[in-house]
Amino acid sequence: MEVQINGEPRTLEPMTVGELLRSLDLDPARLAVERNRDIVPKGEYETTLLAPGDKLEIVRFVGGG
């Protein structure tokens, strides 16, 4: 299925947000995920299925000072 991740088209197998993050080797504790302009709560990463045409924005939290 075709989705967009941070504006880039990607072809993926059916999966959840949590599975996607693991496949990208990303730590969910340091991320925010938006799916079709709605924030996905961290507690729902494992149950939120991606669908064809989804537009995802994955943002990493960065500390500094």
Protein backbone atom coordinates (compact mmCIF):
# COMPACT_ATOMS: atom_id res chain seq x y z
CA MET A 1 0.00 0.00 0.00
CA GLU A 2 1.11 3.55 -0.64
CA VAL A 3 1.48 6.04 2.23
CA GLN A 4 3.42 9.24 2.80
CA ILE A 5 5.91 9.56 5.64
CA ASN A 6 7.14 13.11 6.28
CA GLY A 7 6.15 14.01 2.72
CA GLU A 8 7.94 11.07 1.09
CA PRO A 9 5.92 8.35 -0.69
CA ARG A 10 6.49 4.85 0.68
CA THR A 11 5.17 1.42 -0.25
CA LEU A 12 4.46 -0.69 2.84
CA GLU A 13 2.88 -3.97 3.80
CA PRO A 14 -0.20 -3.61 6.05
CA MET A 15 1.01 -2.77 9.57
CA THR A 16 0.35 -0.74 12.70
CA VAL A 17 2.03 2.52 13.66
CA GLY A 18 4.08 0.61 16.25
CA GLU A 19 5.28 -1.89 13.65
CA LEU A 20 6.20 0.97 11.32
CA LEU A 21 8.28 2.68 14.00
CA ARG A 22 10.13 -0.57 14.77
CA SER A 23 10.76 -1.15 11.04
CA LEU A 24 12.31 2.35 10.88
CA ASP A 25 14.35 1.63 14.05
CA LEU A 26 12.75 4.58 15.87
CA ASP A 27 12.20 4.82 19.63
CA PRO A 28 8.50 5.61 20.22
CA ALA A 29 9.31 7.21 23.59
CA ARG A 30 11.01 10.12 21.82
CA LEU A 31 8.49 10.65 19.02
CA ALA A 32 5.17 12.15 18.14
CA VAL A 33 3.20 10.62 15.26
CA GLU A 34 0.52 12.45 13.31
CA ARG A 35 -1.71 10.45 10.98
CA ASN A 36 -3.87 12.41 8.56
CA ARG A 37 -3.47 15.56 10.69
CA ASP A 38 -4.48 13.82 13.96
CA ILE A 39 -2.02 12.95 16.72
CA VAL A 40 -1.86 9.21 17.42
CA PRO A 41 -1.70 8.65 21.21
CA LYS A 42 1.32 6.53 22.20
CA GLY A 43 -1.00 4.00 23.83
CA GLU A 44 -2.65 3.39 20.44
CA TYR A 45 0.50 2.79 18.34
CA GLU A 46 0.05 -0.99 18.49
CA THR A 47 -3.63 -0.93 17.52
CA THR A 48 -3.66 1.86 14.91
CA LEU A 49 -3.56 0.22 11.49
CA LEU A 50 -2.16 2.15 8.57
CA ALA A 51 -4.38 2.46 5.50
CA PRO A 52 -3.61 3.21 1.85
CA GLY A 53 -3.24 6.95 1.33
CA ASP A 54 -2.38 7.75 4.95
CA LYS A 55 -0.17 10.79 5.46
CA LEU A 56 2.14 10.42 8.44
CA GLU A 57 4.38 12.96 10.09
CA ILE A 58 6.91 11.56 12.54
CA VAL A 59 8.61 14.15 14.74
CA ARG A 60 11.51 13.49 17.10
CA PHE A 61 11.81 15.38 20.37
CA VAL A 62 15.17 17.09 20.67
CA GLY A 63 16.54 18.50 23.90
CA GLY A 64 19.05 21.24 24.13
CA GLY A 65 19.93 24.38 25.85
